[in-house]
Amino acid sequence: SNLQHYHQALEMVSRDDLPWDRFLTHRFKLQDM
């Protein structure tokens, strides 16, 4: 990756073009840290 890739990814997430939630495999509450 290079800096341009990070900027492109940020733009995709901010526009909601990237289904980032599909990459989440675990979600925890603060008390389950």
PDB file of all heavy atoms in Angstrom:
ATOM      1  N   SER A   1       0.838  -1.202   0.000  1.00  0.00           N
ATOM      2  CA  SER A   1       0.000   0.000   0.000  1.00  0.00           C
ATOM      3  C   SER A   1       0.869   1.246   0.000  1.00  0.00           C
ATOM      4  O   SER A   1       1.980   1.241   0.510  1.00  0.00           O
ATOM      5  CB  SER A   1      -0.888   0.027   1.237  1.00  0.00           C
ATOM      6  OG  SER A   1      -1.725  -1.096   1.265  1.00  0.00           O
ATOM      7  N   ASN A   2       0.310   2.310  -0.543  1.00  0.00           N
ATOM      8  CA  ASN A   2       0.987   3.596  -0.461  1.00  0.00           C
ATOM      9  C   ASN A   2      -0.004   4.631   0.052  1.00  0.00           C
ATOM     10  O   ASN A   2      -1.171   4.321   0.307  1.00  0.00           O
ATOM     11  CB  ASN A   2       1.592   3.997  -1.818  1.00  0.00           C
ATOM     12  CG  ASN A   2       0.553   4.141  -2.911  1.00  0.00           C
ATOM     13  OD1 ASN A   2      -0.545   4.632  -2.680  1.00  0.00           O
ATOM     14  ND2 ASN A   2       0.883   3.708  -4.110  1.00  0.00           N
ATOM     15  N   LEU A   3       0.444   5.857   0.200  1.00  0.00           N
ATOM     16  CA  LEU A   3      -0.402   6.908   0.784  1.00  0.00           C
ATOM     17  C   LEU A   3      -1.677   7.120  -0.024  1.00  0.00           C
ATOM     18  O   LEU A   3      -2.758   7.332   0.546  1.00  0.00           O
ATOM     19  CB  LEU A   3       0.399   8.210   0.901  1.00  0.00           C
ATOM     20  CG  LEU A   3      -0.288   9.354   1.628  1.00  0.00           C
ATOM     21  CD1 LEU A   3      -0.678   8.951   3.042  1.00  0.00           C
ATOM     22  CD2 LEU A   3       0.627  10.567   1.646  1.00  0.00           C
ATOM     23  N   GLN A   4      -1.585   7.042  -1.336  1.00  0.00           N
ATOM     24  CA  GLN A   4      -2.771   7.221  -2.179  1.00  0.00           C
ATOM     25  C   GLN A   4      -3.820   6.148  -1.875  1.00  0.00           C
ATOM     26  O   GLN A   4      -5.017   6.440  -1.844  1.00  0.00           O
ATOM     27  CB  GLN A   4      -2.388   7.175  -3.655  1.00  0.00           C
ATOM     28  CG  GLN A   4      -3.586   7.369  -4.576  1.00  0.00           C
ATOM     29  CD  GLN A   4      -3.213   7.275  -6.052  1.00  0.00           C
ATOM     30  OE1 GLN A   4      -2.047   7.202  -6.403  1.00  0.00           O
ATOM     31  NE2 GLN A   4      -4.209   7.270  -6.903  1.00  0.00           N
ATOM     32  N   HIS A   5      -3.396   4.917  -1.623  1.00  0.00           N
ATOM     33  CA  HIS A   5      -4.342   3.849  -1.293  1.00  0.00           C
ATOM     34  C   HIS A   5      -5.097   4.168   0.000  1.00  0.00           C
ATOM     35  O   HIS A   5      -6.298   3.915   0.107  1.00  0.00           O
ATOM     36  CB  HIS A   5      -3.619   2.514  -1.145  1.00  0.00           C
ATOM     37  CG  HIS A   5      -3.025   2.018  -2.421  1.00  0.00           C
ATOM     38  ND1 HIS A   5      -1.770   1.482  -2.485  1.00  0.00           N
ATOM     39  CD2 HIS A   5      -3.517   1.990  -3.681  1.00  0.00           C
ATOM     40  CE1 HIS A   5      -1.513   1.141  -3.728  1.00  0.00           C
ATOM     41  NE2 HIS A   5      -2.556   1.440  -4.474  1.00  0.00           N
ATOM     42  N   TYR A   6      -4.386   4.706   0.997  1.00  0.00           N
ATOM     43  CA  TYR A   6      -5.036   5.061   2.252  1.00  0.00           C
ATOM     44  C   TYR A   6      -6.063   6.178   2.048  1.00  0.00           C
ATOM     45  O   TYR A   6      -7.153   6.139   2.612  1.00  0.00           O
ATOM     46  CB  TYR A   6      -4.006   5.476   3.310  1.00  0.00           C
ATOM     47  CG  TYR A   6      -3.193   4.319   3.818  1.00  0.00           C
ATOM     48  CD1 TYR A   6      -1.857   4.180   3.470  1.00  0.00           C
ATOM     49  CD2 TYR A   6      -3.756   3.358   4.648  1.00  0.00           C
ATOM     50  CE1 TYR A   6      -1.107   3.114   3.925  1.00  0.00           C
ATOM     51  CE2 TYR A   6      -3.024   2.293   5.109  1.00  0.00           C
ATOM     52  CZ  TYR A   6      -1.696   2.174   4.751  1.00  0.00           C
ATOM     53  OH  TYR A   6      -0.969   1.119   5.208  1.00  0.00           O
ATOM     54  N   HIS A   7      -5.708   7.163   1.223  1.00  0.00           N
ATOM     55  CA  HIS A   7      -6.651   8.248   0.933  1.00  0.00           C
ATOM     56  C   HIS A   7      -7.891   7.721   0.195  1.00  0.00           C
ATOM     57  O   HIS A   7      -9.015   8.109   0.495  1.00  0.00           O
ATOM     58  CB  HIS A   7      -5.980   9.353   0.107  1.00  0.00           C
ATOM     59  CG  HIS A   7      -5.011  10.180   0.886  1.00  0.00           C
ATOM     60  ND1 HIS A   7      -5.390  11.022   1.907  1.00  0.00           N
ATOM     61  CD2 HIS A   7      -3.662  10.281   0.799  1.00  0.00           C
ATOM     62  CE1 HIS A   7      -4.334  11.608   2.418  1.00  0.00           C
ATOM     63  NE2 HIS A   7      -3.260  11.176   1.761  1.00  0.00           N
ATOM     64  N   GLN A   8      -7.681   6.810  -0.756  1.00  0.00           N
ATOM     65  CA  GLN A   8      -8.808   6.224  -1.491  1.00  0.00           C
ATOM     66  C   GLN A   8      -9.711   5.424  -0.558  1.00  0.00           C
ATOM     67  O   GLN A   8     -10.940   5.517  -0.644  1.00  0.00           O
ATOM     68  CB  GLN A   8      -8.300   5.327  -2.616  1.00  0.00           C
ATOM     69  CG  GLN A   8      -7.688   6.077  -3.762  1.00  0.00           C
ATOM     70  CD  GLN A   8      -7.014   5.156  -4.769  1.00  0.00           C
ATOM     71  OE1 GLN A   8      -6.690   4.003  -4.471  1.00  0.00           O
ATOM     72  NE2 GLN A   8      -6.796   5.659  -5.970  1.00  0.00           N
ATOM     73  N   ALA A   9      -9.109   4.650   0.331  1.00  0.00           N
ATOM     74  CA  ALA A   9      -9.906   3.860   1.279  1.00  0.00           C
ATOM     75  C   ALA A   9     -10.708   4.774   2.200  1.00  0.00           C
ATOM     76  O   ALA A   9     -11.886   4.516   2.476  1.00  0.00           O
ATOM     77  CB  ALA A   9      -8.998   2.938   2.093  1.00  0.00           C
ATOM     78  N   LEU A  10     -10.079   5.847   2.672  1.00  0.00           N
ATOM     79  CA  LEU A  10     -10.785   6.791   3.535  1.00  0.00           C
ATOM     80  C   LEU A  10     -11.970   7.419   2.820  1.00  0.00           C
ATOM     81  O   LEU A  10     -13.069   7.539   3.384  1.00  0.00           O
ATOM     82  CB  LEU A  10      -9.820   7.877   4.021  1.00  0.00           C
ATOM     83  CG  LEU A  10     -10.409   8.944   4.927  1.00  0.00           C
ATOM     84  CD1 LEU A  10     -10.987   8.334   6.197  1.00  0.00           C
ATOM     85  CD2 LEU A  10      -9.357   9.989   5.251  1.00  0.00           C
ATOM     86  N   GLU A  11     -11.776   7.791   1.554  1.00  0.00           N
ATOM     87  CA  GLU A  11     -12.879   8.358   0.775  1.00  0.00           C
ATOM     88  C   GLU A  11     -14.011   7.347   0.604  1.00  0.00           C
ATOM     89  O   GLU A  11     -15.188   7.696   0.712  1.00  0.00           O
ATOM     90  CB  GLU A  11     -12.373   8.808  -0.598  1.00  0.00           C
ATOM     91  CG  GLU A  11     -11.531  10.060  -0.563  1.00  0.00           C
ATOM     92  CD  GLU A  11     -10.981  10.411  -1.939  1.00  0.00           C
ATOM     93  OE1 GLU A  11     -11.600  10.011  -2.953  1.00  0.00           O
ATOM     94  OE2 GLU A  11      -9.931  11.078  -1.987  1.00  0.00           O
ATOM     95  N   MET A  12     -13.660   6.095   0.332  1.00  0.00           N
ATOM     96  CA  MET A  12     -14.687   5.068   0.141  1.00  0.00           C
ATOM     97  C   MET A  12     -15.486   4.852   1.417  1.00  0.00           C
ATOM     98  O   MET A  12     -16.715   4.727   1.379  1.00  0.00           O
ATOM     99  CB  MET A  12     -14.033   3.754  -0.301  1.00  0.00           C
ATOM    100  CG  MET A  12     -13.460   3.808  -1.700  1.00  0.00           C
ATOM    101  SD  MET A  12     -12.525   2.325  -2.115  1.00  0.00           S
ATOM    102  CE  MET A  12     -13.858   1.150  -2.320  1.00  0.00           C
ATOM    103  N   VAL A  13     -14.800   4.820   2.561  1.00  0.00           N
ATOM    104  CA  VAL A  13     -15.502   4.639   3.836  1.00  0.00           C
ATOM    105  C   VAL A  13     -16.381   5.845   4.135  1.00  0.00           C
ATOM    106  O   VAL A  13     -17.528   5.705   4.544  1.00  0.00           O
ATOM    107  CB  VAL A  13     -14.495   4.387   4.981  1.00  0.00           C
ATOM    108  CG1 VAL A  13     -15.182   4.446   6.330  1.00  0.00           C
ATOM    109  CG2 VAL A  13     -13.803   3.040   4.798  1.00  0.00           C
ATOM    110  N   SER A  14     -15.856   7.058   3.894  1.00  0.00           N
ATOM    111  CA  SER A  14     -16.641   8.250   4.206  1.00  0.00           C
ATOM    112  C   SER A  14     -17.872   8.379   3.313  1.00  0.00           C
ATOM    113  O   SER A  14     -18.882   8.937   3.720  1.00  0.00           O
ATOM    114  CB  SER A  14     -15.776   9.505   4.103  1.00  0.00           C
ATOM    115  OG  SER A  14     -15.371   9.726   2.772  1.00  0.00           O
ATOM    116  N   ARG A  15     -17.802   7.857   2.087  1.00  0.00           N
ATOM    117  CA  ARG A  15     -18.955   7.888   1.180  1.00  0.00           C
ATOM    118  C   ARG A  15     -19.859   6.669   1.377  1.00  0.00           C
ATOM    119  O   ARG A  15     -20.874   6.532   0.721  1.00  0.00           O
ATOM    120  CB  ARG A  15     -18.484   7.908  -0.276  1.00  0.00           C
ATOM    121  CG  ARG A  15     -17.868   9.191  -0.741  1.00  0.00           C
ATOM    122  CD  ARG A  15     -17.684   9.194  -2.253  1.00  0.00           C
ATOM    123  NE  ARG A  15     -17.128   7.955  -2.761  1.00  0.00           N
ATOM    124  CZ  ARG A  15     -15.866   7.779  -3.155  1.00  0.00           C
ATOM    125  NH1 ARG A  15     -15.021   8.776  -3.094  1.00  0.00           N
ATOM    126  NH2 ARG A  15     -15.449   6.619  -3.613  1.00  0.00           N
ATOM    127  N   ASP A  16     -19.449   5.767   2.233  1.00  0.00           N
ATOM    128  CA  ASP A  16     -20.173   4.518   2.477  1.00  0.00           C
ATOM    129  C   ASP A  16     -20.136   3.596   1.254  1.00  0.00           C
ATOM    130  O   ASP A  16     -21.030   2.788   1.043  1.00  0.00           O
ATOM    131  CB  ASP A  16     -21.619   4.789   2.894  1.00  0.00           C
ATOM    132  CG  ASP A  16     -21.990   4.070   4.176  1.00  0.00           C
ATOM    133  OD1 ASP A  16     -21.112   3.411   4.767  1.00  0.00           O
ATOM    134  OD2 ASP A  16     -23.155   4.150   4.572  1.00  0.00           O
ATOM    135  N   ASP A  17     -19.087   3.742   0.422  1.00  0.00           N
ATOM    136  CA  ASP A  17     -18.914   2.875  -0.748  1.00  0.00           C
ATOM    137  C   ASP A  17     -18.241   1.555  -0.384  1.00  0.00           C
ATOM    138  O   ASP A  17     -18.227   0.631  -1.190  1.00  0.00           O
ATOM    139  CB  ASP A  17     -18.041   3.566  -1.805  1.00  0.00           C
ATOM    140  CG  ASP A  17     -18.768   4.712  -2.486  1.00  0.00           C
ATOM    141  OD1 ASP A  17     -19.996   4.814  -2.330  1.00  0.00           O
ATOM    142  OD2 ASP A  17     -18.101   5.502  -3.176  1.00  0.00           O
ATOM    143  N   LEU A  18     -17.660   1.486   0.782  1.00  0.00           N
ATOM    144  CA  LEU A  18     -16.937   0.290   1.210  1.00  0.00           C
ATOM    145  C   LEU A  18     -17.741  -0.406   2.304  1.00  0.00           C
ATOM    146  O   LEU A  18     -18.038   0.204   3.327  1.00  0.00           O
ATOM    147  CB  LEU A  18     -15.554   0.684   1.733  1.00  0.00           C
ATOM    148  CG  LEU A  18     -14.618  -0.428   2.141  1.00  0.00           C
ATOM    149  CD1 LEU A  18     -14.207  -1.227   0.905  1.00  0.00           C
ATOM    150  CD2 LEU A  18     -13.395   0.141   2.820  1.00  0.00           C
ATOM    151  N   PRO A  19     -18.098  -1.652   2.101  1.00  0.00           N
ATOM    152  CA  PRO A  19     -18.886  -2.364   3.126  1.00  0.00           C
ATOM    153  C   PRO A  19     -18.004  -2.803   4.286  1.00  0.00           C
ATOM    154  O   PRO A  19     -17.810  -3.990   4.541  1.00  0.00           O
ATOM    155  CB  PRO A  19     -19.447  -3.560   2.354  1.00  0.00           C
ATOM    156  CG  PRO A  19     -18.420  -3.834   1.310  1.00  0.00           C
ATOM    157  CD  PRO A  19     -17.851  -2.496   0.935  1.00  0.00           C
ATOM    158  N   TRP A  20     -17.439  -1.829   5.016  1.00  0.00           N
ATOM    159  CA  TRP A  20     -16.468  -2.116   6.064  1.00  0.00           C
ATOM    160  C   TRP A  20     -17.020  -3.025   7.153  1.00  0.00           C
ATOM    161  O   TRP A  20     -16.298  -3.784   7.764  1.00  0.00           O
ATOM    162  CB  TRP A  20     -15.952  -0.814   6.676  1.00  0.00           C
ATOM    163  CG  TRP A  20     -17.039   0.048   7.235  1.00  0.00           C
ATOM    164  CD1 TRP A  20     -17.715   1.020   6.576  1.00  0.00           C
ATOM    165  CD2 TRP A  20     -17.592  -0.010   8.543  1.00  0.00           C
ATOM    166  NE1 TRP A  20     -18.661   1.575   7.390  1.00  0.00           N
ATOM    167  CE2 TRP A  20     -18.604   0.960   8.614  1.00  0.00           C
ATOM    168  CE3 TRP A  20     -17.342  -0.793   9.667  1.00  0.00           C
ATOM    169  CZ2 TRP A  20     -19.348   1.164   9.758  1.00  0.00           C
ATOM    170  CZ3 TRP A  20     -18.085  -0.588  10.811  1.00  0.00           C
ATOM    171  CH2 TRP A  20     -19.083   0.384  10.849  1.00  0.00           C
ATOM    172  N   ASP A  21     -18.322  -2.963   7.383  1.00  0.00           N
ATOM    173  CA  ASP A  21     -18.909  -3.789   8.442  1.00  0.00           C
ATOM    174  C   ASP A  21     -18.851  -5.280   8.120  1.00  0.00           C
ATOM    175  O   ASP A  21     -18.900  -6.116   9.014  1.00  0.00           O
ATOM    176  CB  ASP A  21     -20.343  -3.360   8.739  1.00  0.00           C
ATOM    177  CG  ASP A  21     -21.237  -3.363   7.511  1.00  0.00           C
ATOM    178  OD1 ASP A  21     -20.727  -3.166   6.396  1.00  0.00           O
ATOM    179  OD2 ASP A  21     -22.447  -3.554   7.676  1.00  0.00           O
ATOM    180  N   ARG A  22     -18.684  -5.639   6.847  1.00  0.00           N
ATOM    181  CA  ARG A  22     -18.571  -7.054   6.483  1.00  0.00           C
ATOM    182  C   ARG A  22     -17.232  -7.642   6.924  1.00  0.00           C
ATOM    183  O   ARG A  22     -17.082  -8.842   7.006  1.00  0.00           O
ATOM    184  CB  ARG A  22     -18.738  -7.231   4.979  1.00  0.00           C
ATOM    185  CG  ARG A  22     -20.158  -6.979   4.541  1.00  0.00           C
ATOM    186  CD  ARG A  22     -20.429  -7.206   3.083  1.00  0.00           C
ATOM    187  NE  ARG A  22     -19.474  -8.030   2.374  1.00  0.00           N
ATOM    188  CZ  ARG A  22     -19.297  -8.007   1.064  1.00  0.00           C
ATOM    189  NH1 ARG A  22     -20.013  -7.182   0.325  1.00  0.00           N
ATOM    190  NH2 ARG A  22     -18.422  -8.775   0.478  1.00  0.00           N
ATOM    191  N   PHE A  23     -16.243  -6.780   7.193  1.00  0.00           N
ATOM    192  CA  PHE A  23     -14.936  -7.254   7.632  1.00  0.00           C
ATOM    193  C   PHE A  23     -14.876  -7.470   9.136  1.00  0.00           C
ATOM    194  O   PHE A  23     -13.944  -8.095   9.631  1.00  0.00           O
ATOM    195  CB  PHE A  23     -13.841  -6.267   7.216  1.00  0.00           C
ATOM    196  CG  PHE A  23     -13.748  -6.082   5.734  1.00  0.00           C
ATOM    197  CD1 PHE A  23     -14.216  -4.928   5.142  1.00  0.00           C
ATOM    198  CD2 PHE A  23     -13.211  -7.070   4.929  1.00  0.00           C
ATOM    199  CE1 PHE A  23     -14.133  -4.751   3.775  1.00  0.00           C
ATOM    200  CE2 PHE A  23     -13.132  -6.910   3.560  1.00  0.00           C
ATOM    201  CZ  PHE A  23     -13.590  -5.748   2.985  1.00  0.00           C
ATOM    202  N   LEU A  24     -15.839  -6.926   9.861  1.00  0.00           N
ATOM    203  CA  LEU A  24     -15.866  -7.087  11.309  1.00  0.00           C
ATOM    204  C   LEU A  24     -16.303  -8.498  11.657  1.00  0.00           C
ATOM    205  O   LEU A  24     -17.372  -8.937  11.253  1.00  0.00           O
ATOM    206  CB  LEU A  24     -16.822  -6.080  11.952  1.00  0.00           C
ATOM    207  CG  LEU A  24     -16.523  -4.608  11.719  1.00  0.00           C
ATOM    208  CD1 LEU A  24     -17.573  -3.752  12.396  1.00  0.00           C
ATOM    209  CD2 LEU A  24     -15.143  -4.251  12.195  1.00  0.00           C
ATOM    210  N   THR A  25     -15.470  -9.197  12.392  1.00  0.00           N
ATOM    211  CA  THR A  25     -15.812 -10.561  12.774  1.00  0.00           C
ATOM    212  C   THR A  25     -16.193 -10.668  14.244  1.00  0.00           C
ATOM    213  O   THR A  25     -16.840 -11.627  14.634  1.00  0.00           O
ATOM    214  CB  THR A  25     -14.636 -11.514  12.497  1.00  0.00           C
ATOM    215  OG1 THR A  25     -13.479 -11.044  13.185  1.00  0.00           O
ATOM    216  CG2 THR A  25     -14.362 -11.603  11.009  1.00  0.00           C
ATOM    217  N   HIS A  26     -15.784  -9.690  15.050  1.00  0.00           N
ATOM    218  CA  HIS A  26     -16.091  -9.703  16.479  1.00  0.00           C
ATOM    219  C   HIS A  26     -16.401  -8.289  16.940  1.00  0.00           C
ATOM    220  O   HIS A  26     -15.742  -7.340  16.525  1.00  0.00           O
ATOM    221  CB  HIS A  26     -14.903 -10.237  17.286  1.00  0.00           C
ATOM    222  CG  HIS A  26     -14.582 -11.663  17.006  1.00  0.00           C
ATOM    223  ND1 HIS A  26     -13.827 -12.044  15.925  1.00  0.00           N
ATOM    224  CD2 HIS A  26     -14.927 -12.792  17.656  1.00  0.00           C
ATOM    225  CE1 HIS A  26     -13.702 -13.365  15.931  1.00  0.00           C
ATOM    226  NE2 HIS A  26     -14.363 -13.835  16.961  1.00  0.00           N
ATOM    227  N   ARG A  27     -17.383  -8.177  17.804  1.00  0.00           N
ATOM    228  CA  ARG A  27     -17.748  -6.887  18.402  1.00  0.00           C
ATOM    229  C   ARG A  27     -17.922  -7.133  19.900  1.00  0.00           C
ATOM    230  O   ARG A  27     -18.633  -8.047  20.304  1.00  0.00           O
ATOM    231  CB  ARG A  27     -19.041  -6.372  17.788  1.00  0.00           C
ATOM    232  CG  ARG A  27     -19.385  -4.957  18.188  1.00  0.00           C
ATOM    233  CD  ARG A  27     -20.660  -4.478  17.516  1.00  0.00           C
ATOM    234  NE  ARG A  27     -20.525  -4.402  16.070  1.00  0.00           N
ATOM    235  CZ  ARG A  27     -20.168  -3.300  15.402  1.00  0.00           C
ATOM    236  NH1 ARG A  27     -19.907  -2.204  16.062  1.00  0.00           N
ATOM    237  NH2 ARG A  27     -20.085  -3.310  14.094  1.00  0.00           N
ATOM    238  N   PHE A  28     -17.260  -6.315  20.710  1.00  0.00           N
ATOM    239  CA  PHE A  28     -17.276  -6.489  22.160  1.00  0.00           C
ATOM    240  C   PHE A  28     -17.705  -5.208  22.850  1.00  0.00           C
ATOM    241  O   PHE A  28     -17.442  -4.112  22.370  1.00  0.00           O
ATOM    242  CB  PHE A  28     -15.873  -6.863  22.671  1.00  0.00           C
ATOM    243  CG  PHE A  28     -15.353  -8.154  22.134  1.00  0.00           C
ATOM    244  CD1 PHE A  28     -14.545  -8.171  21.004  1.00  0.00           C
ATOM    245  CD2 PHE A  28     -15.661  -9.357  22.739  1.00  0.00           C
ATOM    246  CE1 PHE A  28     -14.048  -9.355  20.501  1.00  0.00           C
ATOM    247  CE2 PHE A  28     -15.175 -10.547  22.242  1.00  0.00           C
ATOM    248  CZ  PHE A  28     -14.370 -10.552  21.116  1.00  0.00           C
ATOM    249  N   LYS A  29     -18.345  -5.360  23.990  1.00  0.00           N
ATOM    250  CA  LYS A  29     -18.646  -4.230  24.865  1.00  0.00           C
ATOM    251  C   LYS A  29     -17.372  -3.892  25.634  1.00  0.00           C
ATOM    252  O   LYS A  29     -16.470  -4.727  25.778  1.00  0.00           O
ATOM    253  CB  LYS A  29     -19.758  -4.585  25.861  1.00  0.00           C
ATOM    254  CG  LYS A  29     -21.070  -4.945  25.211  1.00  0.00           C
ATOM    255  CD  LYS A  29     -21.801  -3.691  24.862  1.00  0.00           C
ATOM    256  CE  LYS A  29     -23.194  -4.072  24.341  1.00  0.00           C
ATOM    257  NZ  LYS A  29     -23.808  -2.973  23.655  1.00  0.00           N
ATOM    258  N   LEU A  30     -17.289  -2.667  26.133  1.00  0.00           N
ATOM    259  CA  LEU A  30     -16.109  -2.219  26.856  1.00  0.00           C
ATOM    260  C   LEU A  30     -15.797  -3.139  28.046  1.00  0.00           C
ATOM    261  O   LEU A  30     -14.633  -3.461  28.304  1.00  0.00           O
ATOM    262  CB  LEU A  30     -16.295  -0.777  27.327  1.00  0.00           C
ATOM    263  CG  LEU A  30     -15.092  -0.127  27.984  1.00  0.00           C
ATOM    264  CD1 LEU A  30     -13.887  -0.130  27.052  1.00  0.00           C
ATOM    265  CD2 LEU A  30     -15.433   1.296  28.401  1.00  0.00           C
ATOM    266  N   GLN A  31     -16.825  -3.603  28.727  1.00  0.00           N
ATOM    267  CA  GLN A  31     -16.595  -4.458  29.888  1.00  0.00           C
ATOM    268  C   GLN A  31     -16.051  -5.838  29.508  1.00  0.00           C
ATOM    269  O   GLN A  31     -15.579  -6.581  30.366  1.00  0.00           O
ATOM    270  CB  GLN A  31     -17.858  -4.593  30.748  1.00  0.00           C
ATOM    271  CG  GLN A  31     -19.035  -5.221  30.046  1.00  0.00           C
ATOM    272  CD  GLN A  31     -19.984  -4.194  29.455  1.00  0.00           C
ATOM    273  OE1 GLN A  31     -19.601  -3.067  29.152  1.00  0.00           O
ATOM    274  NE2 GLN A  31     -21.231  -4.571  29.278  1.00  0.00           N
ATOM    275  N   ASP A  32     -16.078  -6.197  28.229  1.00  0.00           N
ATOM    276  CA  ASP A  32     -15.547  -7.478  27.762  1.00  0.00           C
ATOM    277  C   ASP A  32     -14.175  -7.331  27.084  1.00  0.00           C
ATOM    278  O   ASP A  32     -13.772  -8.169  26.277  1.00  0.00           O
ATOM    279  CB  ASP A  32     -16.531  -8.125  26.778  1.00  0.00           C
ATOM    280  CG  ASP A  32     -17.844  -8.482  27.431  1.00  0.00           C
ATOM    281  OD1 ASP A  32     -17.833  -8.854  28.625  1.00  0.00           O
ATOM    282  OD2 ASP A  32     -18.883  -8.373  26.750  1.00  0.00           O
ATOM    283  N   MET A  33     -13.470  -6.264  27.444  1.00  0.00           N
ATOM    284  CA  MET A  33     -12.201  -5.981  26.799  1.00  0.00           C
ATOM    285  C   MET A  33     -11.186  -7.118  26.984  1.00  0.00           C
ATOM    286  O   MET A  33     -10.438  -7.437  26.063  1.00  0.00           O
ATOM    287  CB  MET A  33     -11.608  -4.679  27.324  1.00  0.00           C
ATOM    288  CG  MET A  33     -10.347  -4.263  26.575  1.00  0.00           C
ATOM    289  SD  MET A  33      -9.626  -2.739  27.155  1.00  0.00           S
ATOM    290  CE  MET A  33     -10.859  -1.579  26.663  1.00  0.00           C
TER     291      MET A  33
END
